[in-house]
Amino acid sequence: FLMRAAGLYPLTSIPVIIATRNVRKKVRSRFKLDVDDLPVEGSLRTFTPAEGVFLRETGVRELIEASRKNALGVARPNQTQERELVASFAPIFIQDAAAPYDRFGRVVWQGNRLAIEPENPTVYWYISYAFLETASILQINYVIWYAERAGENSPWMERGHLDGLTVRVSLDTQGKPLMVDVMNNCGCYHFFSPQTERVHRVVSKRFRLDPFVPQWLPTIPPEKRLGLRVNSGWHQVERLLATAPPPDAVRYKLAPYEALEALPREDGRSESMFNARGIAKGSDRIEPLILFSMGIPSVGSMRQRGNHPIALTGRVHFDDPYLFEENFIFK
């Protein structure tokens, strides 16, 4: 704190930048492997959306154009259109399941503690917006929750109750996927996967880490979906790919994110899984004792939408509408 107050913040950031670069190097090495060579700790289980809605490219474009017929020209789909979009772009999760903590599911209260019901696999979604040059673009966020981060793959100081991933699919003004970016629900390990044909260059940052792009967005043909390969315990995405669900895929339910902010309790009341500071209750980690100088309250804890710092140096947030423009020059 004293170093920050004295204007020596860059000095406090140097060890974090070095450590982050080392982690990125490790993550990037996984993306360079052939997908069949990725390590498997348990067995691969595939989860696919239960909803059968699947709009083609023309249908998505027409829906987006129709929803822009308002005073601001912003895509504002109605409830039915929203559900169609969410179901159409819902990803397939290919999970390395080595232990019970590798099964994502529905979030519930069990007494005064949050728990995950893996027998009810659920993906929570919400809509957000960003800017691309002068136009606003629509984003669909898909959020999954695990009972904990654990296992030998995960760093010891990150282990604890509750874990999760957020996958964001950003559509351009024509309704085509422009970018997919991913983070853990603590805001950590954020990476971009843009469509390579749309990016002129990645913006380099002075005295800060450059945008992390371990993989360009794969081309996804009409008969397939975006797939994410997720490792065991640490729950890091190791590959984005175009895939179709196998016959034995597990069906997951799509639920609005608002459900997490009013979870029913046994006594008939409802209570959010997050506290007033946007922190998931009971998801405390040991990380604040180590990374307190970075200025992020409850660093390492799982967080509510709108409360995700995605970098330990500087001020960078997941919901910044200018995030893409600050990191990429688009064609």
Foldseek 3Di string as FASTA:
>chain_A
DVCVVVVNQLVVCVVVQVVVVVVLVVLLVLLPDDPVPRDAQADKAKEAAPDPQADDLQRLLVQQQVQLPDPVSHRDGDPVSVVNLCNNAPAMETWRDDDQQRQWADWADDDPDIAGDSVAREWAWDKAWFDDPHDIWIKIKTKTKGQWQDDPVADPQLTFGMKIKIWMFIADSSRHGAKIWMDILLLEPIAIAGAVQWFPDWDCDPSDHAGRHSYHADDADSQWHWYFYFYPRNGDTNDIDTHHDDPPHHHHYYHYPVCQQFHADPVGGTHHCADPLFFRPRQATPCCVPLVSLPQPRRSTRGHPPRHQNDSHDGRGPNHSCVDVVTTDTD
